[in-house]
All heavy atoms as atom14 arrays in JSON, in Angstrom:
{
  "sequence": "LLDLNENGEERVLFCGGKGGGGNIHFKNAVRR",
  "atom14_mask": [
    [1, 1, 1, 1, 1, 1, 1, 1, 0, 0, 0, 0, 0, 0],
    [1, 1, 1, 1, 1, 1, 1, 1, 0, 0, 0, 0, 0, 0],
    [1, 1, 1, 1, 1, 1, 1, 1, 0, 0, 0, 0, 0, 0],
    [1, 1, 1, 1, 1, 1, 1, 1, 0, 0, 0, 0, 0, 0],
    [1, 1, 1, 1, 1, 1, 1, 1, 0, 0, 0, 0, 0, 0],
    [1, 1, 1, 1, 1, 1, 1, 1, 1, 0, 0, 0, 0, 0],
    [1, 1, 1, 1, 1, 1, 1, 1, 0, 0, 0, 0, 0, 0],
    [1, 1, 1, 1, 0, 0, 0, 0, 0, 0, 0, 0, 0, 0],
    [1, 1, 1, 1, 1, 1, 1, 1, 1, 0, 0, 0, 0, 0],
    [1, 1, 1, 1, 1, 1, 1, 1, 1, 0, 0, 0, 0, 0],
    [1, 1, 1, 1, 1, 1, 1, 1, 1, 1, 1, 0, 0, 0],
    [1, 1, 1, 1, 1, 1, 1, 0, 0, 0, 0, 0, 0, 0],
    [1, 1, 1, 1, 1, 1, 1, 1, 0, 0, 0, 0, 0, 0],
    [1, 1, 1, 1, 1, 1, 1, 1, 1, 1, 1, 0, 0, 0],
    [1, 1, 1, 1, 1, 1, 0, 0, 0, 0, 0, 0, 0, 0],
    [1, 1, 1, 1, 0, 0, 0, 0, 0, 0, 0, 0, 0, 0],
    [1, 1, 1, 1, 0, 0, 0, 0, 0, 0, 0, 0, 0, 0],
    [1, 1, 1, 1, 1, 1, 1, 1, 1, 0, 0, 0, 0, 0],
    [1, 1, 1, 1, 0, 0, 0, 0, 0, 0, 0, 0, 0, 0],
    [1, 1, 1, 1, 0, 0, 0, 0, 0, 0, 0, 0, 0, 0],
    [1, 1, 1, 1, 0, 0, 0, 0, 0, 0, 0, 0, 0, 0],
    [1, 1, 1, 1, 0, 0, 0, 0, 0, 0, 0, 0, 0, 0],
    [1, 1, 1, 1, 1, 1, 1, 1, 0, 0, 0, 0, 0, 0],
    [1, 1, 1, 1, 1, 1, 1, 1, 0, 0, 0, 0, 0, 0],
    [1, 1, 1, 1, 1, 1, 1, 1, 1, 1, 0, 0, 0, 0],
    [1, 1, 1, 1, 1, 1, 1, 1, 1, 1, 1, 0, 0, 0],
    [1, 1, 1, 1, 1, 1, 1, 1, 1, 0, 0, 0, 0, 0],
    [1, 1, 1, 1, 1, 1, 1, 1, 0, 0, 0, 0, 0, 0],
    [1, 1, 1, 1, 1, 0, 0, 0, 0, 0, 0, 0, 0, 0],
    [1, 1, 1, 1, 1, 1, 1, 0, 0, 0, 0, 0, 0, 0],
    [1, 1, 1, 1, 1, 1, 1, 1, 1, 1, 1, 0, 0, 0],
    [1, 1, 1, 1, 1, 1, 1, 1, 1, 1, 1, 0, 0, 0]
  ],
  "atom14_positions": [
    [[-15.84, 8.07, 10.42], [-14.72, 7.32, 10.04], [-13.65, 7.27, 11.1], [-13.02, 6.25, 11.39], [-14.13, 7.85, 8.74], [-15.03, 7.97, 7.56], [-14.36, 8.65, 6.36], [-15.61, 6.73, 7.17], [0.0, 0.0, 0.0], [0.0, 0.0, 0.0], [0.0, 0.0, 0.0], [0.0, 0.0, 0.0], [0.0, 0.0, 0.0], [0.0, 0.0, 0.0]],
    [[-13.3, 8.35, 11.7], [-12.34, 8.56, 12.8], [-12.92, 9.41, 13.94], [-13.51, 10.46, 13.62], [-11.02, 9.12, 12.28], [-10.32, 8.45, 11.13], [-9.03, 9.23, 10.77], [-9.93, 6.98, 11.61], [0.0, 0.0, 0.0], [0.0, 0.0, 0.0], [0.0, 0.0, 0.0], [0.0, 0.0, 0.0], [0.0, 0.0, 0.0], [0.0, 0.0, 0.0]],
    [[-12.6, 9.03, 15.16], [-13.04, 9.86, 16.32], [-11.76, 9.96, 17.12], [-11.32, 9.09, 17.76], [-14.11, 9.09, 17.04], [-14.76, 9.96, 18.1], [-14.32, 11.09, 18.28], [-15.79, 9.5, 18.72], [0.0, 0.0, 0.0], [0.0, 0.0, 0.0], [0.0, 0.0, 0.0], [0.0, 0.0, 0.0], [0.0, 0.0, 0.0], [0.0, 0.0, 0.0]],
    [[-11.14, 11.24, 17.13], [-9.95, 11.54, 17.76], [-10.13, 12.15, 19.04], [-10.39, 13.32, 19.22], [-9.18, 12.41, 16.84], [-8.77, 11.78, 15.54], [-8.58, 12.8, 14.42], [-7.55, 10.86, 15.48], [0.0, 0.0, 0.0], [0.0, 0.0, 0.0], [0.0, 0.0, 0.0], [0.0, 0.0, 0.0], [0.0, 0.0, 0.0], [0.0, 0.0, 0.0]],
    [[-10.08, 11.32, 20.21], [-10.38, 11.87, 21.48], [-9.27, 12.14, 22.38], [-9.44, 12.79, 23.47], [-11.23, 10.73, 22.17], [-12.65, 10.63, 21.58], [-13.24, 11.66, 21.15], [-13.18, 9.4, 21.59], [0.0, 0.0, 0.0], [0.0, 0.0, 0.0], [0.0, 0.0, 0.0], [0.0, 0.0, 0.0], [0.0, 0.0, 0.0], [0.0, 0.0, 0.0]],
    [[-8.04, 11.68, 22.15], [-6.86, 11.82, 23.05], [-5.81, 12.55, 22.45], [-5.42, 12.38, 21.22], [-6.42, 10.45, 23.52], [-7.53, 9.65, 24.26], [-6.97, 8.31, 24.76], [-5.81, 8.0, 24.58], [-7.88, 7.45, 25.21], [0.0, 0.0, 0.0], [0.0, 0.0, 0.0], [0.0, 0.0, 0.0], [0.0, 0.0, 0.0], [0.0, 0.0, 0.0]],
    [[-5.08, 13.35, 23.17], [-4.0, 14.17, 22.73], [-2.89, 13.25, 22.19], [-2.53, 12.21, 22.85], [-3.45, 14.97, 23.78], [-2.2, 15.88, 23.29], [-2.3, 16.46, 22.15], [-1.2, 16.01, 24.05], [0.0, 0.0, 0.0], [0.0, 0.0, 0.0], [0.0, 0.0, 0.0], [0.0, 0.0, 0.0], [0.0, 0.0, 0.0], [0.0, 0.0, 0.0]],
    [[-2.4, 13.44, 20.96], [-1.3, 12.63, 20.4], [-1.9, 11.38, 19.7], [-1.05, 10.62, 19.14], [0.0, 0.0, 0.0], [0.0, 0.0, 0.0], [0.0, 0.0, 0.0], [0.0, 0.0, 0.0], [0.0, 0.0, 0.0], [0.0, 0.0, 0.0], [0.0, 0.0, 0.0], [0.0, 0.0, 0.0], [0.0, 0.0, 0.0], [0.0, 0.0, 0.0]],
    [[-3.12, 11.06, 19.73], [-3.74, 10.0, 19.01], [-3.49, 10.09, 17.5], [-3.79, 11.14, 16.91], [-5.18, 9.95, 19.32], [-5.87, 8.66, 18.72], [-7.39, 8.61, 19.13], [-7.89, 9.47, 19.77], [-8.02, 7.6, 18.75], [0.0, 0.0, 0.0], [0.0, 0.0, 0.0], [0.0, 0.0, 0.0], [0.0, 0.0, 0.0], [0.0, 0.0, 0.0]],
    [[-3.01, 9.1, 16.96], [-2.57, 9.02, 15.52], [-3.35, 7.95, 14.76], [-3.27, 6.79, 15.15], [-1.02, 8.8, 15.38], [-0.54, 8.93, 13.99], [1.04, 8.89, 13.99], [1.65, 9.58, 14.75], [1.51, 8.01, 13.14], [0.0, 0.0, 0.0], [0.0, 0.0, 0.0], [0.0, 0.0, 0.0], [0.0, 0.0, 0.0], [0.0, 0.0, 0.0]],
    [[-4.14, 8.34, 13.71], [-4.92, 7.36, 13.04], [-4.74, 7.54, 11.53], [-4.78, 8.56, 11.05], [-6.45, 7.64, 13.4], [-6.8, 7.54, 14.9], [-6.89, 6.16, 15.37], [-7.88, 5.39, 14.61], [-9.22, 5.43, 14.84], [-9.71, 6.18, 15.81], [-10.0, 4.67, 14.21], [0.0, 0.0, 0.0], [0.0, 0.0, 0.0], [0.0, 0.0, 0.0]],
    [[-4.61, 6.36, 10.9], [-4.47, 6.32, 9.48], [-5.85, 6.25, 8.89], [-6.61, 5.28, 9.14], [-3.62, 5.17, 9.08], [-3.56, 5.12, 7.44], [-2.21, 5.26, 9.67], [0.0, 0.0, 0.0], [0.0, 0.0, 0.0], [0.0, 0.0, 0.0], [0.0, 0.0, 0.0], [0.0, 0.0, 0.0], [0.0, 0.0, 0.0], [0.0, 0.0, 0.0]],
    [[-6.24, 7.2, 8.01], [-7.51, 7.2, 7.31], [-7.44, 6.13, 6.22], [-8.26, 5.17, 6.18], [-7.93, 8.51, 6.76], [-9.24, 8.54, 6.03], [-10.39, 8.24, 7.05], [-9.45, 9.93, 5.42], [0.0, 0.0, 0.0], [0.0, 0.0, 0.0], [0.0, 0.0, 0.0], [0.0, 0.0, 0.0], [0.0, 0.0, 0.0], [0.0, 0.0, 0.0]],
    [[-6.46, 6.14, 5.37], [-6.21, 5.17, 4.39], [-4.76, 5.24, 3.92], [-4.13, 6.3, 3.93], [-7.15, 5.13, 3.18], [-7.59, 6.46, 2.63], [-6.54, 7.29, 2.05], [-8.92, 6.83, 2.69], [-7.02, 8.47, 1.5], [-9.26, 8.09, 2.15], [-8.33, 8.83, 1.62], [0.0, 0.0, 0.0], [0.0, 0.0, 0.0], [0.0, 0.0, 0.0]],
    [[-4.24, 4.08, 3.5], [-2.83, 3.96, 3.06], [-2.73, 4.45, 1.63], [-3.74, 4.55, 0.83], [-2.4, 2.53, 3.23], [-2.34, 1.92, 4.93], [0.0, 0.0, 0.0], [0.0, 0.0, 0.0], [0.0, 0.0, 0.0], [0.0, 0.0, 0.0], [0.0, 0.0, 0.0], [0.0, 0.0, 0.0], [0.0, 0.0, 0.0], [0.0, 0.0, 0.0]],
    [[-1.42, 4.75, 1.32], [-1.14, 5.17, -0.08], [-1.23, 4.04, -1.11], [-1.32, 2.81, -0.64], [0.0, 0.0, 0.0], [0.0, 0.0, 0.0], [0.0, 0.0, 0.0], [0.0, 0.0, 0.0], [0.0, 0.0, 0.0], [0.0, 0.0, 0.0], [0.0, 0.0, 0.0], [0.0, 0.0, 0.0], [0.0, 0.0, 0.0], [0.0, 0.0, 0.0]],
    [[-1.28, 4.29, -2.3], [-1.37, 3.28, -3.28], [-0.06, 2.42, -3.32], [1.05, 2.91, -3.13], [0.0, 0.0, 0.0], [0.0, 0.0, 0.0], [0.0, 0.0, 0.0], [0.0, 0.0, 0.0], [0.0, 0.0, 0.0], [0.0, 0.0, 0.0], [0.0, 0.0, 0.0], [0.0, 0.0, 0.0], [0.0, 0.0, 0.0], [0.0, 0.0, 0.0]],
    [[-0.24, 1.17, -3.63], [0.88, 0.21, -3.67], [1.65, 0.43, -4.91], [1.12, 0.67, -6.06], [0.34, -1.26, -3.56], [1.4, -2.25, -3.38], [0.93, -3.64, -3.22], [2.06, -4.68, -3.07], [1.48, -6.05, -2.86], [0.0, 0.0, 0.0], [0.0, 0.0, 0.0], [0.0, 0.0, 0.0], [0.0, 0.0, 0.0], [0.0, 0.0, 0.0]],
    [[3.01, 0.35, -4.75], [3.8, 0.46, -5.98], [3.7, -0.78, -6.88], [3.42, -1.85, -6.43], [0.0, 0.0, 0.0], [0.0, 0.0, 0.0], [0.0, 0.0, 0.0], [0.0, 0.0, 0.0], [0.0, 0.0, 0.0], [0.0, 0.0, 0.0], [0.0, 0.0, 0.0], [0.0, 0.0, 0.0], [0.0, 0.0, 0.0], [0.0, 0.0, 0.0]],
    [[3.86, -0.49, -8.15], [3.79, -1.55, -9.14], [5.03, -2.37, -9.18], [6.14, -1.92, -8.91], [0.0, 0.0, 0.0], [0.0, 0.0, 0.0], [0.0, 0.0, 0.0], [0.0, 0.0, 0.0], [0.0, 0.0, 0.0], [0.0, 0.0, 0.0], [0.0, 0.0, 0.0], [0.0, 0.0, 0.0], [0.0, 0.0, 0.0], [0.0, 0.0, 0.0]],
    [[4.87, -3.7, -9.6], [5.99, -4.55, -9.69], [6.75, -4.34, -10.99], [6.22, -4.07, -11.96], [0.0, 0.0, 0.0], [0.0, 0.0, 0.0], [0.0, 0.0, 0.0], [0.0, 0.0, 0.0], [0.0, 0.0, 0.0], [0.0, 0.0, 0.0], [0.0, 0.0, 0.0], [0.0, 0.0, 0.0], [0.0, 0.0, 0.0], [0.0, 0.0, 0.0]],
    [[8.08, -4.49, -10.82], [8.86, -4.35, -12.03], [8.7, -5.61, -12.97], [8.05, -6.6, -12.63], [0.0, 0.0, 0.0], [0.0, 0.0, 0.0], [0.0, 0.0, 0.0], [0.0, 0.0, 0.0], [0.0, 0.0, 0.0], [0.0, 0.0, 0.0], [0.0, 0.0, 0.0], [0.0, 0.0, 0.0], [0.0, 0.0, 0.0], [0.0, 0.0, 0.0]],
    [[9.27, -5.47, -14.21], [8.96, -6.6, -15.16], [9.69, -7.93, -14.82], [9.4, -9.03, -15.26], [9.47, -6.26, -16.57], [10.92, -5.97, -16.66], [11.63, -5.76, -15.72], [11.37, -5.92, -17.97], [0.0, 0.0, 0.0], [0.0, 0.0, 0.0], [0.0, 0.0, 0.0], [0.0, 0.0, 0.0], [0.0, 0.0, 0.0], [0.0, 0.0, 0.0]],
    [[10.51, -7.94, -13.76], [11.15, -9.15, -13.26], [10.01, -10.08, -12.69], [10.19, -11.31, -12.67], [12.19, -9.04, -12.14], [11.59, -8.16, -10.93], [13.32, -8.17, -12.75], [12.6, -8.07, -9.78], [0.0, 0.0, 0.0], [0.0, 0.0, 0.0], [0.0, 0.0, 0.0], [0.0, 0.0, 0.0], [0.0, 0.0, 0.0], [0.0, 0.0, 0.0]],
    [[8.87, -9.56, -12.38], [7.8, -10.41, -11.74], [6.87, -10.95, -12.81], [6.06, -11.75, -12.57], [6.89, -9.48, -10.82], [7.68, -8.86, -9.68], [8.07, -9.66, -8.66], [8.05, -7.61, -9.36], [8.75, -8.87, -7.68], [8.72, -7.63, -8.2], [0.0, 0.0, 0.0], [0.0, 0.0, 0.0], [0.0, 0.0, 0.0], [0.0, 0.0, 0.0]],
    [[7.08, -10.51, -14.04], [6.21, -10.93, -15.2], [6.88, -12.02, -16.05], [6.35, -12.51, -17.06], [5.8, -9.77, -16.01], [4.96, -8.86, -15.24], [5.42, -7.83, -14.47], [3.54, -8.93, -15.42], [4.67, -6.96, -13.8], [2.73, -8.08, -14.78], [3.23, -7.05, -13.86], [0.0, 0.0, 0.0], [0.0, 0.0, 0.0], [0.0, 0.0, 0.0]],
    [[8.15, -12.4, -15.72], [8.86, -13.41, -16.42], [8.29, -14.83, -16.1], [8.12, -15.1, -14.97], [10.28, -13.29, -16.17], [11.17, -14.28, -16.9], [12.66, -14.14, -16.53], [13.51, -15.21, -17.2], [14.94, -15.04, -16.79], [0.0, 0.0, 0.0], [0.0, 0.0, 0.0], [0.0, 0.0, 0.0], [0.0, 0.0, 0.0], [0.0, 0.0, 0.0]],
    [[8.09, -15.56, -17.12], [7.74, -16.98, -16.91], [8.3, -17.88, -18.09], [9.07, -17.43, -18.87], [6.21, -17.16, -16.77], [5.42, -16.54, -18.01], [5.91, -16.69, -19.1], [4.26, -15.97, -17.73], [0.0, 0.0, 0.0], [0.0, 0.0, 0.0], [0.0, 0.0, 0.0], [0.0, 0.0, 0.0], [0.0, 0.0, 0.0], [0.0, 0.0, 0.0]],
    [[7.85, -19.12, -18.1], [8.54, -19.97, -19.08], [8.09, -19.65, -20.44], [8.86, -19.88, -21.48], [7.94, -21.4, -18.78], [0.0, 0.0, 0.0], [0.0, 0.0, 0.0], [0.0, 0.0, 0.0], [0.0, 0.0, 0.0], [0.0, 0.0, 0.0], [0.0, 0.0, 0.0], [0.0, 0.0, 0.0], [0.0, 0.0, 0.0], [0.0, 0.0, 0.0]],
    [[6.97, -19.01, -20.66], [6.5, -18.57, -21.96], [6.96, -17.19, -22.24], [7.5, -16.92, -23.38], [4.96, -18.61, -22.05], [4.46, -18.15, -23.46], [4.5, -20.11, -21.84], [0.0, 0.0, 0.0], [0.0, 0.0, 0.0], [0.0, 0.0, 0.0], [0.0, 0.0, 0.0], [0.0, 0.0, 0.0], [0.0, 0.0, 0.0], [0.0, 0.0, 0.0]],
    [[6.81, -16.23, -21.34], [7.26, -14.78, -21.55], [8.6, -14.65, -20.92], [8.68, -14.35, -19.8], [6.14, -13.94, -20.89], [6.38, -12.45, -21.33], [5.45, -11.56, -20.42], [4.08, -11.83, -20.63], [3.2, -12.16, -19.74], [3.64, -12.33, -18.55], [1.95, -12.36, -19.95], [0.0, 0.0, 0.0], [0.0, 0.0, 0.0], [0.0, 0.0, 0.0]],
    [[9.68, -14.84, -21.74], [11.03, -14.69, -21.25], [11.49, -13.29, -21.18], [12.38, -13.03, -20.37], [11.97, -15.48, -22.15], [11.61, -16.92, -22.37], [11.59, -17.68, -20.98], [12.9, -17.69, -20.36], [13.74, -18.75, -20.34], [13.27, -19.86, -20.84], [14.92, -18.64, -19.79], [0.0, 0.0, 0.0], [0.0, 0.0, 0.0], [0.0, 0.0, 0.0]]
  ]
}
């Protein structure tokens, strides 16, 4: 997955989970 060969080399294995959207994103013409 990662091969770290150089001093100071910085590699992301995987990113953190994305934050969920607030209810402002779920408002529409039907769901007020």
